[in-house]
Structure formats: structure tokens, C-alpha cells
Amino acid sequence: MKISMIINAVLAIALVFLSYKLAVTGNDKGKEQDSSEVVLNTILKRTSIRSYENKTVEKEKIEKLLRAGMAAPTAMNKQPWHFVVVTDKGQLQKLSEANPYAAMAAKAPLAIVVCGDMNKAAEGNAREFWIQDCAAATENILLAATGMGLGAVWTGTYPSKERCADVAKVLGLPESLIPLNTIVIGYPDADVSPKDKWNTENISYNTYVEE
């Protein structure tokens, strides 16, 4: 009798433990699924925002944007980037004049100029990978901005020699820093719906097939 009671007690404990493990595992899977959906929704929600509220972007959020940028993939881990954070109204005005596509910077609270640092770039044929690395960092910043309720727009600088020279002059950049783009950032003053860019004609599987 005692043995059967012990066996029943052990089985009951095992059943409780198994139920707990299943519940925890189920919750973990649910969290993973929720997390993946959050990431995907942020990517799909991202769109270019060119008009902003008269509201300062907090320093904490600026640091998070920069951390996101520096978390980007980089060839050979060269990290050939330098970020110039611009919050001064006078400088933002000058940036808006240096690039015809960055006119919105004049009324924005923040801009981040993503530069390629040629002192950190790879040598030889791999040198141009700085462009891909800084572009990846830029996209990370754009996605982080979207996730934090900010609006942002990528305004191109490189490879236009004129724009590069004008932006470099505004920021006092040395020759070793090449401005790839200016990301203009702020709190959106209106809701802007993202474009649906899904197009199966842009996809091939295993080998290229002409439509």
C-alpha cells in the first residue's frame, strides 16, 4: 500500500512537472513568434518621413539609434563608419542647403550623417565594401527609428562629388571621411502609409528565369 502511494505521488509530481515544462515551452515559442512578428512588422512599416513635429529627439533614443547602426554587419569586421550627430539648428539648415534632397533637415530636430572612414576601410579590391557596411548601418538606424515611433528619411550624398564636398564643408570632415548619406529624423507630424513593394516578378529561385 505504501509502495503504491509512493508511486502515485511520484507520478503526480512528474505530471505536474511535465505540464509546467509544456506550458513554459509553449510560452517561449509564443514569445519567439511574437518577436519575429514585431521585427517583420517594423520592417514593413518603415517608410520615408519628411515632416516632423517641433519636438526634440531624446538623447537616450539618439544613442539607441547609433547602437543599432553599429550593430550592422560589416565585411571583415572593419566597421568603417563614423556617425556625425547634428542637432544644432544652424547646422541642420546648412545641411538642408548642401543637399537638394535634404531640404526637410531645416525643420527637423535631428540628422545623422553616416560617413565611411577610409582609415578603417579594407585595402585593395575590398575597399569599396565600406559602402555596403555603411548602407547596412543606415538601414538599421531607419528600422530602429521606426520601432521607437520616430520618422526618418535617407537622403543620398555619395557618390555625388558636389554633395560630398558641400556636406564635408558644413561638418568640417577630413578627407578620410566620406559622407554616404544624411538621415533626417524626428517625430512624424502625420501618419504616412508605407508602400507595398512586394513583387514576385523580382524573384527567381535557384537560377534566373526571364519573364
N, C-alpha and C. Protein backbone atom coordinates (compact mmCIF):
# COMPACT_ATOMS: atom_id res chain seq x y z
N MET A 1 0.84 -1.21 0.00
CA MET A 1 0.00 0.00 0.00
C MET A 1 0.86 1.24 0.00
N LYS A 2 1.88 1.23 0.83
CA LYS A 2 2.77 2.37 0.90
C LYS A 2 3.50 2.57 -0.42
N ILE A 3 3.91 1.42 -1.02
CA ILE A 3 4.65 1.49 -2.29
C ILE A 3 3.77 2.11 -3.37
N SER A 4 2.50 1.67 -3.44
CA SER A 4 1.59 2.20 -4.45
C SER A 4 1.34 3.69 -4.23
N MET A 5 1.27 4.09 -2.96
CA MET A 5 1.06 5.51 -2.66
C MET A 5 2.26 6.33 -3.10
N ILE A 6 3.46 5.76 -2.87
CA ILE A 6 4.68 6.46 -3.28
C ILE A 6 4.73 6.60 -4.79
N ILE A 7 4.38 5.49 -5.49
CA ILE A 7 4.40 5.51 -6.96
C ILE A 7 3.42 6.55 -7.49
N ASN A 8 2.21 6.57 -6.89
CA ASN A 8 1.21 7.54 -7.32
C ASN A 8 1.68 8.97 -7.08
N ALA A 9 2.35 9.20 -5.95
CA ALA A 9 2.84 10.54 -5.63
C ALA A 9 3.91 10.96 -6.62
N VAL A 10 4.80 10.02 -6.95
CA VAL A 10 5.88 10.31 -7.92
C VAL A 10 5.28 10.63 -9.28
N LEU A 11 4.28 9.83 -9.69
CA LEU A 11 3.64 10.06 -10.98
C LEU A 11 2.95 11.42 -11.01
N ALA A 12 2.32 11.79 -9.89
CA ALA A 12 1.63 13.07 -9.82
C ALA A 12 2.63 14.21 -9.95
N ILE A 13 3.77 14.09 -9.24
CA ILE A 13 4.80 15.13 -9.32
C ILE A 13 5.34 15.24 -10.73
N ALA A 14 5.57 14.06 -11.37
CA ALA A 14 6.09 14.04 -12.74
C ALA A 14 5.10 14.70 -13.69
N LEU A 15 3.82 14.44 -13.46
CA LEU A 15 2.79 15.02 -14.32
C LEU A 15 2.75 16.53 -14.17
N VAL A 16 2.86 17.01 -12.95
CA VAL A 16 2.88 18.46 -12.71
C VAL A 16 4.09 19.09 -13.36
N PHE A 17 5.25 18.44 -13.22
CA PHE A 17 6.49 18.97 -13.80
C PHE A 17 6.39 19.02 -15.33
N LEU A 18 5.84 17.94 -15.93
CA LEU A 18 5.70 17.88 -17.38
C LEU A 18 4.75 18.97 -17.87
N SER A 19 3.66 19.16 -17.16
CA SER A 19 2.69 20.20 -17.54
C SER A 19 3.34 21.57 -17.49
N TYR A 20 4.17 21.78 -16.45
CA TYR A 20 4.86 23.07 -16.30
C TYR A 20 5.82 23.29 -17.46
N LYS A 21 6.59 22.24 -17.81
CA LYS A 21 7.56 22.36 -18.90
C LYS A 21 6.86 22.65 -20.22
N LEU A 22 5.75 21.99 -20.46
CA LEU A 22 5.00 22.22 -21.69
C LEU A 22 4.48 23.65 -21.75
N ALA A 23 4.01 24.13 -20.61
CA ALA A 23 3.47 25.50 -20.55
C ALA A 23 4.57 26.51 -20.81
N VAL A 24 5.73 26.30 -20.17
CA VAL A 24 6.86 27.22 -20.35
C VAL A 24 7.35 27.20 -21.78
N THR A 25 7.50 25.97 -22.32
CA THR A 25 7.96 25.84 -23.71
C THR A 25 6.99 26.50 -24.67
N GLY A 26 5.71 26.27 -24.39
CA GLY A 26 4.69 26.89 -25.24
C GLY A 26 4.76 28.39 -25.20
N ASN A 27 4.97 28.93 -24.00
CA ASN A 27 5.08 30.38 -23.85
C ASN A 27 6.31 30.92 -24.55
N ASP A 28 7.43 30.17 -24.45
CA ASP A 28 8.66 30.59 -25.11
C ASP A 28 8.48 30.63 -26.62
N LYS A 29 7.80 29.61 -27.14
CA LYS A 29 7.55 29.59 -28.59
C LYS A 29 6.66 30.76 -28.99
N GLY A 30 5.69 31.02 -28.12
CA GLY A 30 4.81 32.15 -28.40
C GLY A 30 5.57 33.45 -28.42
N LYS A 31 6.52 33.60 -27.46
CA LYS A 31 7.33 34.81 -27.40
C LYS A 31 8.19 34.94 -28.65
N GLU A 32 8.78 33.80 -29.10
CA GLU A 32 9.61 33.82 -30.30
C GLU A 32 8.79 34.25 -31.51
N GLN A 33 7.58 33.70 -31.61
CA GLN A 33 6.71 34.06 -32.72
C GLN A 33 6.31 35.53 -32.64
N ASP A 34 6.00 35.99 -31.44
CA ASP A 34 5.63 37.39 -31.27
C ASP A 34 6.79 38.30 -31.64
N SER A 35 8.00 37.90 -31.22
CA SER A 35 9.19 38.69 -31.51
C SER A 35 9.44 38.78 -33.01
N SER A 36 9.30 37.66 -33.70
CA SER A 36 9.53 37.68 -35.15
C SER A 36 8.50 38.54 -35.85
N GLU A 37 7.28 38.53 -35.36
CA GLU A 37 6.24 39.34 -35.97
C GLU A 37 6.51 40.83 -35.74
N VAL A 38 7.01 41.17 -34.55
CA VAL A 38 7.34 42.56 -34.25
C VAL A 38 8.42 43.05 -35.22
N VAL A 39 9.46 42.23 -35.40
CA VAL A 39 10.55 42.61 -36.31
C VAL A 39 10.04 42.79 -37.73
N LEU A 40 9.28 41.81 -38.22
CA LEU A 40 8.76 41.88 -39.57
C LEU A 40 7.83 43.06 -39.76
N ASN A 41 6.97 43.30 -38.79
CA ASN A 41 6.04 44.43 -38.89
C ASN A 41 6.77 45.77 -38.91
N THR A 42 7.86 45.86 -38.15
CA THR A 42 8.65 47.09 -38.15
C THR A 42 9.27 47.32 -39.51
N ILE A 43 9.79 46.24 -40.10
CA ILE A 43 10.39 46.36 -41.45
C ILE A 43 9.34 46.81 -42.47
N LEU A 44 8.17 46.20 -42.41
CA LEU A 44 7.12 46.52 -43.38
C LEU A 44 6.50 47.89 -43.12
N LYS A 45 6.58 48.35 -41.88
CA LYS A 45 6.00 49.65 -41.51
C LYS A 45 6.91 50.81 -41.90
N ARG A 46 8.21 50.55 -42.03
CA ARG A 46 9.16 51.62 -42.31
C ARG A 46 8.84 52.30 -43.63
N THR A 47 8.86 53.62 -43.61
CA THR A 47 8.66 54.41 -44.82
C THR A 47 9.36 55.75 -44.62
N SER A 48 9.57 56.46 -45.70
CA SER A 48 10.28 57.74 -45.62
C SER A 48 9.37 58.82 -45.05
N ILE A 49 9.81 59.43 -43.97
CA ILE A 49 9.06 60.50 -43.30
C ILE A 49 9.83 61.80 -43.47
N ARG A 50 9.17 62.81 -44.03
CA ARG A 50 9.85 64.07 -44.36
C ARG A 50 9.30 65.29 -43.62
N SER A 51 8.36 65.08 -42.72
CA SER A 51 7.77 66.20 -41.99
C SER A 51 7.65 65.81 -40.52
N TYR A 52 8.03 66.75 -39.63
CA TYR A 52 8.17 66.39 -38.22
C TYR A 52 7.53 67.40 -37.27
N GLU A 53 7.22 66.91 -36.08
CA GLU A 53 6.73 67.79 -35.03
C GLU A 53 7.88 68.65 -34.50
N ASN A 54 7.54 69.74 -33.88
CA ASN A 54 8.54 70.59 -33.25
C ASN A 54 8.85 70.01 -31.87
N LYS A 55 9.57 68.90 -31.89
CA LYS A 55 9.85 68.15 -30.67
C LYS A 55 11.24 67.56 -30.74
N THR A 56 11.99 67.73 -29.68
CA THR A 56 13.36 67.23 -29.63
C THR A 56 13.39 65.71 -29.49
N VAL A 57 14.33 65.08 -30.18
CA VAL A 57 14.54 63.64 -30.01
C VAL A 57 15.46 63.45 -28.80
N GLU A 58 15.00 62.65 -27.87
CA GLU A 58 15.73 62.45 -26.62
C GLU A 58 17.12 61.84 -26.84
N LYS A 59 18.07 62.22 -25.98
CA LYS A 59 19.44 61.71 -26.08
C LYS A 59 19.48 60.18 -25.98
N GLU A 60 18.62 59.64 -25.13
CA GLU A 60 18.57 58.18 -24.97
C GLU A 60 18.21 57.50 -26.28
N LYS A 61 17.27 58.09 -27.00
CA LYS A 61 16.87 57.50 -28.28
C LYS A 61 17.96 57.67 -29.34
N ILE A 62 18.65 58.80 -29.29
CA ILE A 62 19.75 59.01 -30.24
C ILE A 62 20.82 57.94 -30.04
N GLU A 63 21.14 57.65 -28.78
CA GLU A 63 22.14 56.61 -28.52
C GLU A 63 21.67 55.25 -29.01
N LYS A 64 20.38 54.96 -28.83
CA LYS A 64 19.84 53.69 -29.31
C LYS A 64 19.94 53.60 -30.83
N LEU A 65 19.69 54.70 -31.51
CA LEU A 65 19.82 54.72 -32.97
C LEU A 65 21.27 54.41 -33.38
N LEU A 66 22.21 55.02 -32.69
CA LEU A 66 23.62 54.80 -33.00
C LEU A 66 24.05 53.38 -32.68
N ARG A 67 23.55 52.84 -31.57
CA ARG A 67 23.86 51.45 -31.24
C ARG A 67 23.32 50.50 -32.31
N ALA A 68 22.13 50.81 -32.81
CA ALA A 68 21.55 49.99 -33.88
C ALA A 68 22.42 50.06 -35.13
N GLY A 69 22.89 51.26 -35.47
CA GLY A 69 23.74 51.41 -36.63
C GLY A 69 25.02 50.60 -36.51
N MET A 70 25.63 50.65 -35.33
CA MET A 70 26.90 49.95 -35.13
C MET A 70 26.74 48.44 -34.98
N ALA A 71 25.50 47.97 -34.88
CA ALA A 71 25.25 46.53 -34.81
C ALA A 71 25.12 45.91 -36.20
N ALA A 72 25.29 46.70 -37.24
CA ALA A 72 25.13 46.23 -38.61
C ALA A 72 26.25 45.27 -39.01
N PRO A 73 25.97 44.39 -39.98
CA PRO A 73 27.05 43.53 -40.48
C PRO A 73 28.12 44.36 -41.18
N THR A 74 29.35 43.90 -41.11
CA THR A 74 30.45 44.65 -41.69
C THR A 74 31.52 43.69 -42.19
N ALA A 75 31.97 43.86 -43.42
CA ALA A 75 32.95 42.97 -44.03
C ALA A 75 34.24 42.95 -43.21
N MET A 76 34.68 41.74 -42.84
CA MET A 76 35.92 41.55 -42.09
C MET A 76 35.91 42.31 -40.76
N ASN A 77 34.73 42.67 -40.30
CA ASN A 77 34.55 43.42 -39.05
C ASN A 77 35.38 44.70 -39.03
N LYS A 78 35.49 45.35 -40.18
CA LYS A 78 36.26 46.58 -40.27
C LYS A 78 35.54 47.76 -39.61
N GLN A 79 34.20 47.70 -39.60
CA GLN A 79 33.40 48.79 -39.02
C GLN A 79 33.88 50.16 -39.54
N PRO A 80 33.91 50.33 -40.87
CA PRO A 80 34.47 51.55 -41.45
C PRO A 80 33.49 52.71 -41.49
N TRP A 81 32.92 53.01 -40.35
CA TRP A 81 31.89 54.05 -40.31
C TRP A 81 32.19 55.10 -39.24
N HIS A 82 31.63 56.26 -39.46
CA HIS A 82 31.65 57.32 -38.46
C HIS A 82 30.33 58.06 -38.59
N PHE A 83 29.70 58.34 -37.45
CA PHE A 83 28.38 58.97 -37.44
C PHE A 83 28.48 60.39 -36.87
N VAL A 84 28.04 61.35 -37.64
CA VAL A 84 28.02 62.73 -37.16
C VAL A 84 26.58 63.08 -36.78
N VAL A 85 26.36 63.30 -35.49
CA VAL A 85 25.02 63.62 -34.99
C VAL A 85 24.84 65.14 -35.01
N VAL A 86 23.79 65.59 -35.67
CA VAL A 86 23.56 67.03 -35.82
C VAL A 86 22.21 67.39 -35.19
N THR A 87 22.27 68.25 -34.17
CA THR A 87 21.04 68.74 -33.53
C THR A 87 20.98 70.26 -33.55
N ASP A 88 22.08 70.90 -33.88
CA ASP A 88 22.13 72.37 -33.93
C ASP A 88 21.31 72.88 -35.11
N LYS A 89 20.42 73.83 -34.85
CA LYS A 89 19.51 74.33 -35.88
C LYS A 89 20.27 74.96 -37.05
N GLY A 90 21.34 75.67 -36.73
CA GLY A 90 22.13 76.30 -37.78
C GLY A 90 22.77 75.27 -38.69
N GLN A 91 23.30 74.20 -38.09
CA GLN A 91 23.91 73.13 -38.87
C GLN A 91 22.88 72.36 -39.69
N LEU A 92 21.72 72.16 -39.12
CA LEU A 92 20.65 71.47 -39.86
C LEU A 92 20.23 72.30 -41.08
N GLN A 93 20.18 73.61 -40.91
CA GLN A 93 19.85 74.49 -42.03
C GLN A 93 20.91 74.37 -43.12
N LYS A 94 22.17 74.35 -42.74
CA LYS A 94 23.25 74.24 -43.71
C LYS A 94 23.22 72.89 -44.44
N LEU A 95 22.89 71.83 -43.70
CA LEU A 95 22.77 70.51 -44.33
C LEU A 95 21.64 70.49 -45.35
N SER A 96 20.56 71.19 -45.03
CA SER A 96 19.42 71.24 -45.96
C SER A 96 19.81 71.95 -47.26
N GLU A 97 20.76 72.87 -47.17
CA GLU A 97 21.21 73.60 -48.34
C GLU A 97 22.30 72.84 -49.10
N ALA A 98 23.02 71.97 -48.39
CA ALA A 98 24.11 71.22 -49.02
C ALA A 98 23.61 70.09 -49.90
N ASN A 99 22.39 69.63 -49.64
CA ASN A 99 21.81 68.53 -50.41
C ASN A 99 20.38 68.90 -50.80
N PRO A 100 20.09 69.02 -52.08
CA PRO A 100 18.74 69.43 -52.51
C PRO A 100 17.64 68.47 -52.07
N TYR A 101 18.02 67.23 -51.74
CA TYR A 101 17.03 66.25 -51.31
C TYR A 101 16.90 66.17 -49.79
N ALA A 102 17.65 67.01 -49.10
CA ALA A 102 17.59 67.03 -47.63
C ALA A 102 17.02 68.34 -47.11
N ALA A 103 16.17 68.96 -47.90
CA ALA A 103 15.59 70.26 -47.51
C ALA A 103 14.82 70.17 -46.20
N MET A 104 14.24 69.00 -45.91
CA MET A 104 13.45 68.83 -44.68
C MET A 104 14.31 68.93 -43.42
N ALA A 105 15.62 68.84 -43.57
CA ALA A 105 16.51 68.93 -42.40
C ALA A 105 16.40 70.29 -41.71
N ALA A 106 16.03 71.31 -42.46
CA ALA A 106 15.91 72.66 -41.90
C ALA A 106 14.85 72.73 -40.81
N LYS A 107 13.84 71.85 -40.87
CA LYS A 107 12.76 71.87 -39.90
C LYS A 107 12.74 70.61 -39.03
N ALA A 108 13.83 69.88 -39.08
CA ALA A 108 13.92 68.65 -38.29
C ALA A 108 14.74 68.88 -37.02
N PRO A 109 14.51 68.06 -36.00
CA PRO A 109 15.29 68.21 -34.77
C PRO A 109 16.62 67.46 -34.78
N LEU A 110 16.78 66.58 -35.77
CA LEU A 110 17.94 65.69 -35.72
C LEU A 110 18.31 65.19 -37.11
N ALA A 111 19.61 65.07 -37.33
CA ALA A 111 20.11 64.40 -38.53
C ALA A 111 21.35 63.60 -38.13
N ILE A 112 21.51 62.45 -38.73
CA ILE A 112 22.71 61.64 -38.53
C ILE A 112 23.36 61.46 -39.90
N VAL A 113 24.57 61.97 -40.04
CA VAL A 113 25.31 61.82 -41.29
C VAL A 113 26.19 60.59 -41.17
N VAL A 114 25.93 59.61 -42.02
CA VAL A 114 26.68 58.35 -42.00
C VAL A 114 27.85 58.47 -42.96
N CYS A 115 29.05 58.34 -42.41
CA CYS A 115 30.26 58.52 -43.21
C CYS A 115 31.07 57.24 -43.27
N GLY A 116 31.77 57.05 -44.37
CA GLY A 116 32.73 55.97 -44.49
C GLY A 116 34.09 56.48 -44.05
N ASP A 117 34.71 55.76 -43.13
CA ASP A 117 36.02 56.14 -42.63
C ASP A 117 37.08 55.36 -43.40
N MET A 118 37.77 56.04 -44.31
CA MET A 118 38.74 55.37 -45.16
C MET A 118 39.97 54.91 -44.40
N ASN A 119 40.19 55.42 -43.21
CA ASN A 119 41.29 54.93 -42.38
C ASN A 119 40.98 53.56 -41.79
N LYS A 120 39.69 53.18 -41.79
CA LYS A 120 39.28 51.89 -41.26
C LYS A 120 38.88 50.91 -42.36
N ALA A 121 38.71 51.41 -43.58
CA ALA A 121 38.26 50.57 -44.68
C ALA A 121 39.32 49.55 -45.06
N ALA A 122 38.88 48.45 -45.66
CA ALA A 122 39.80 47.41 -46.11
C ALA A 122 40.67 47.93 -47.26
N GLU A 123 41.69 47.19 -47.56
CA GLU A 123 42.61 47.58 -48.62
C GLU A 123 42.27 46.84 -49.92
N GLY A 124 42.80 47.35 -51.02
CA GLY A 124 42.67 46.67 -52.31
C GLY A 124 41.25 46.63 -52.83
N ASN A 125 40.91 45.49 -53.45
CA ASN A 125 39.59 45.35 -54.07
C ASN A 125 38.46 45.37 -53.04
N ALA A 126 38.77 45.11 -51.79
CA ALA A 126 37.73 45.07 -50.73
C ALA A 126 37.43 46.46 -50.17
N ARG A 127 38.14 47.46 -50.65
CA ARG A 127 37.98 48.79 -50.07
C ARG A 127 36.56 49.32 -50.20
N GLU A 128 35.92 49.05 -51.33
CA GLU A 128 34.59 49.58 -51.57
C GLU A 128 33.49 48.93 -50.73
N PHE A 129 33.85 47.92 -49.96
CA PHE A 129 32.86 47.32 -49.07
C PHE A 129 32.36 48.31 -48.02
N TRP A 130 33.08 49.42 -47.83
CA TRP A 130 32.62 50.42 -46.85
C TRP A 130 31.23 50.92 -47.20
N ILE A 131 30.92 50.95 -48.50
CA ILE A 131 29.61 51.43 -48.95
C ILE A 131 28.51 50.50 -48.44
N GLN A 132 28.72 49.20 -48.62
CA GLN A 132 27.73 48.23 -48.16
C GLN A 132 27.60 48.26 -46.63
N ASP A 133 28.74 48.35 -45.95
CA ASP A 133 28.71 48.37 -44.49
C ASP A 133 27.93 49.57 -43.96
N CYS A 134 28.21 50.75 -44.52
CA CYS A 134 27.53 51.97 -44.06
C CYS A 134 26.06 51.98 -44.48
N ALA A 135 25.76 51.35 -45.61
CA ALA A 135 24.36 51.24 -46.03
C ALA A 135 23.59 50.33 -45.07
N ALA A 136 24.23 49.25 -44.63
CA ALA A 136 23.59 48.35 -43.67
C ALA A 136 23.37 49.07 -42.34
N ALA A 137 24.34 49.87 -41.93
CA ALA A 137 24.20 50.65 -40.70
C ALA A 137 23.05 51.65 -40.83
N THR A 138 22.93 52.25 -42.00
CA THR A 138 21.85 53.20 -42.25
C THR A 138 20.49 52.54 -42.14
N GLU A 139 20.34 51.38 -42.73
CA GLU A 139 19.05 50.68 -42.66
C GLU A 139 18.71 50.31 -41.23
N ASN A 140 19.70 49.90 -40.46
CA ASN A 140 19.46 49.59 -39.05
C ASN A 140 18.93 50.81 -38.30
N ILE A 141 19.51 51.97 -38.59
CA ILE A 141 19.06 53.20 -37.94
C ILE A 141 17.62 53.53 -38.35
N LEU A 142 17.31 53.37 -39.61
CA LEU A 142 15.96 53.64 -40.09
C LEU A 142 14.94 52.73 -39.42
N LEU A 143 15.28 51.44 -39.29
CA LEU A 143 14.37 50.49 -38.66
C LEU A 143 14.22 50.78 -37.16
N ALA A 144 15.33 51.12 -36.52
CA ALA A 144 15.27 51.46 -35.09
C ALA A 144 14.41 52.69 -34.87
N ALA A 145 14.53 53.66 -35.77
CA ALA A 145 13.71 54.87 -35.66
C ALA A 145 12.23 54.53 -35.76
N THR A 146 11.89 53.68 -36.71
CA THR A 146 10.50 53.25 -36.87
C THR A 146 10.00 52.55 -35.62
N GLY A 147 10.83 51.67 -35.07
CA GLY A 147 10.44 50.92 -33.88
C GLY A 147 10.24 51.79 -32.66
N MET A 148 10.89 52.96 -32.64
CA MET A 148 10.77 53.87 -31.49
C MET A 148 9.75 54.98 -31.72
N GLY A 149 8.98 54.87 -32.79
CA GLY A 149 7.95 55.87 -33.04
C GLY A 149 8.47 57.13 -33.71
N LEU A 150 9.69 57.07 -34.22
CA LEU A 150 10.27 58.21 -34.92
C LEU A 150 10.06 58.05 -36.43
N GLY A 151 10.21 59.14 -37.15
CA GLY A 151 10.15 59.10 -38.60
C GLY A 151 11.51 59.49 -39.13
N ALA A 152 11.93 58.88 -40.24
CA ALA A 152 13.25 59.18 -40.78
C ALA A 152 13.24 59.02 -42.30
N VAL A 153 14.21 59.67 -42.93
CA VAL A 153 14.35 59.55 -44.38
C VAL A 153 15.83 59.53 -44.73
N TRP A 154 16.20 58.64 -45.64
CA TRP A 154 17.56 58.50 -46.14
C TRP A 154 17.73 59.45 -47.32
N THR A 155 18.62 60.43 -47.19
CA THR A 155 18.90 61.34 -48.29
C THR A 155 20.34 61.09 -48.77
N GLY A 156 20.49 60.74 -50.02
CA GLY A 156 21.78 60.32 -50.54
C GLY A 156 22.77 61.46 -50.74
N THR A 157 24.03 61.18 -50.47
CA THR A 157 25.12 62.13 -50.70
C THR A 157 26.13 61.53 -51.68
N TYR A 158 26.82 60.47 -51.26
CA TYR A 158 27.73 59.76 -52.12
C TYR A 158 26.93 58.98 -53.17
N PRO A 159 27.38 58.92 -54.44
CA PRO A 159 28.68 59.29 -55.00
C PRO A 159 28.74 60.68 -55.64
N SER A 160 27.77 61.56 -55.37
CA SER A 160 27.82 62.90 -55.95
C SER A 160 28.99 63.68 -55.33
N LYS A 161 29.97 64.00 -56.14
CA LYS A 161 31.15 64.72 -55.64
C LYS A 161 30.77 66.09 -55.08
N GLU A 162 29.83 66.74 -55.74
CA GLU A 162 29.41 68.08 -55.29
C GLU A 162 28.75 68.01 -53.92
N ARG A 163 27.83 67.05 -53.74
CA ARG A 163 27.15 66.92 -52.45
C ARG A 163 28.13 66.52 -51.35
N CYS A 164 29.03 65.60 -51.68
CA CYS A 164 30.03 65.18 -50.69
C CYS A 164 30.87 66.36 -50.23
N ALA A 165 31.28 67.17 -51.18
CA ALA A 165 32.11 68.34 -50.85
C ALA A 165 31.34 69.33 -49.99
N ASP A 166 30.08 69.56 -50.34
CA ASP A 166 29.27 70.53 -49.60
C ASP A 166 28.97 70.07 -48.18
N VAL A 167 28.63 68.77 -48.03
CA VAL A 167 28.35 68.23 -46.70
C VAL A 167 29.62 68.20 -45.86
N ALA A 168 30.72 67.82 -46.48
CA ALA A 168 32.00 67.78 -45.78
C ALA A 168 32.39 69.17 -45.28
N LYS A 169 32.10 70.17 -46.07
CA LYS A 169 32.41 71.55 -45.69
C LYS A 169 31.58 71.98 -44.48
N VAL A 170 30.30 71.65 -44.51
CA VAL A 170 29.41 72.01 -43.39
C VAL A 170 29.88 71.38 -42.08
N LEU A 171 30.30 70.12 -42.17
CA LEU A 171 30.65 69.36 -40.96
C LEU A 171 32.13 69.42 -40.62
N GLY A 172 32.93 70.00 -41.50
CA GLY A 172 34.36 70.06 -41.25
C GLY A 172 35.01 68.69 -41.30
N LEU A 173 34.58 67.85 -42.23
CA LEU A 173 35.09 66.49 -42.32
C LEU A 173 36.49 66.45 -42.91
N PRO A 174 37.35 65.60 -42.40
CA PRO A 174 38.66 65.40 -43.03
C PRO A 174 38.49 64.60 -44.32
N GLU A 175 39.52 64.53 -45.14
CA GLU A 175 39.43 63.80 -46.41
C GLU A 175 39.18 62.31 -46.20
N SER A 176 39.53 61.81 -45.05
CA SER A 176 39.37 60.38 -44.77
C SER A 176 37.92 59.98 -44.52
N LEU A 177 37.04 60.95 -44.29
CA LEU A 177 35.62 60.65 -44.05
C LEU A 177 34.78 61.05 -45.27
N ILE A 178 34.08 60.06 -45.83
CA ILE A 178 33.23 60.30 -47.00
C ILE A 178 31.77 60.20 -46.57
N PRO A 179 30.98 61.27 -46.68
CA PRO A 179 29.58 61.21 -46.28
C PRO A 179 28.75 60.39 -47.27
N LEU A 180 28.23 59.27 -46.81
CA LEU A 180 27.40 58.42 -47.67
C LEU A 180 25.99 58.99 -47.79
N ASN A 181 25.45 59.43 -46.66
CA ASN A 181 24.08 59.96 -46.67
C ASN A 181 23.82 60.78 -45.41
N THR A 182 22.70 61.47 -45.44
CA THR A 182 22.20 62.17 -44.27
C THR A 182 20.84 61.59 -43.93
N ILE A 183 20.71 61.04 -42.72
CA ILE A 183 19.41 60.53 -42.26
C ILE A 183 18.75 61.64 -41.46
N VAL A 184 17.64 62.14 -41.96
CA VAL A 184 16.90 63.19 -41.26
C VAL A 184 15.84 62.52 -40.40
N ILE A 185 15.75 62.92 -39.13
CA ILE A 185 14.94 62.19 -38.15
C ILE A 185 14.12 63.14 -37.28
N GLY A 186 12.93 62.71 -36.92
CA GLY A 186 12.10 63.47 -36.00
C GLY A 186 10.82 62.71 -35.69
N TYR A 187 9.98 63.31 -34.88
CA TYR A 187 8.67 62.70 -34.61
C TYR A 187 7.72 63.09 -35.74
N PRO A 188 7.11 62.12 -36.41
CA PRO A 188 6.23 62.43 -37.54
C PRO A 188 5.07 63.33 -37.13
N ASP A 189 4.74 64.29 -37.98
CA ASP A 189 3.59 65.14 -37.67
C ASP A 189 2.33 64.69 -38.39
N ALA A 190 2.42 63.54 -39.07
CA ALA A 190 1.26 62.97 -39.75
C ALA A 190 1.51 61.49 -39.99
N ASP A 191 0.44 60.73 -40.14
CA ASP A 191 0.56 59.30 -40.46
C ASP A 191 0.83 59.13 -41.95
N VAL A 192 1.86 58.37 -42.26
CA VAL A 192 2.20 58.08 -43.66
C VAL A 192 2.19 56.57 -43.85
N SER A 193 1.40 56.09 -44.79
CA SER A 193 1.31 54.66 -45.03
C SER A 193 2.48 54.18 -45.89
N PRO A 194 3.11 53.07 -45.51
CA PRO A 194 4.22 52.55 -46.31
C PRO A 194 3.73 51.98 -47.64
N LYS A 195 4.59 52.02 -48.63
CA LYS A 195 4.25 51.45 -49.94
C LYS A 195 4.38 49.94 -49.88
N ASP A 196 3.50 49.23 -50.55
CA ASP A 196 3.61 47.78 -50.67
C ASP A 196 4.50 47.48 -51.87
N LYS A 197 5.73 47.06 -51.59
CA LYS A 197 6.72 46.84 -52.66
C LYS A 197 6.88 45.37 -53.04
N TRP A 198 6.02 44.52 -52.49
CA TRP A 198 6.09 43.09 -52.81
C TRP A 198 5.78 42.88 -54.28
N ASN A 199 6.68 42.22 -54.99
CA ASN A 199 6.51 41.98 -56.42
C ASN A 199 7.20 40.67 -56.78
N THR A 200 6.43 39.64 -57.10
CA THR A 200 7.00 38.32 -57.39
C THR A 200 7.84 38.32 -58.67
N GLU A 201 7.67 39.33 -59.51
CA GLU A 201 8.48 39.40 -60.73
C GLU A 201 9.95 39.67 -60.42
N ASN A 202 10.21 40.11 -59.20
CA ASN A 202 11.59 40.40 -58.80
C ASN A 202 12.27 39.21 -58.13
N ILE A 203 11.66 38.04 -58.25
CA ILE A 203 12.17 36.85 -57.55
C ILE A 203 12.48 35.73 -58.55
N SER A 204 13.63 35.08 -58.35
CA SER A 204 13.96 33.85 -59.06
C SER A 204 14.41 32.83 -58.03
N TYR A 205 14.19 31.57 -58.31
CA TYR A 205 14.62 30.52 -57.40
C TYR A 205 15.64 29.64 -58.09
N ASN A 206 16.78 29.48 -57.45
CA ASN A 206 17.87 28.61 -57.88
C ASN A 206 18.62 29.10 -59.12
N THR A 207 17.94 29.65 -60.10
CA THR A 207 18.59 30.24 -61.26
C THR A 207 17.68 31.28 -61.86
N TYR A 208 18.27 32.23 -62.58
CA TYR A 208 17.46 33.32 -63.15
C TYR A 208 16.56 32.80 -64.26
N VAL A 209 15.30 33.20 -64.18
CA VAL A 209 14.33 32.85 -65.23
C VAL A 209 13.72 34.15 -65.74
N GLU A 210 13.90 34.42 -67.02
CA GLU A 210 13.35 35.64 -67.61
C GLU A 210 11.86 35.51 -67.79
N GLU A 211 11.17 36.58 -67.42
CA GLU A 211 9.70 36.57 -67.55
C GLU A 211 9.29 36.60 -69.03
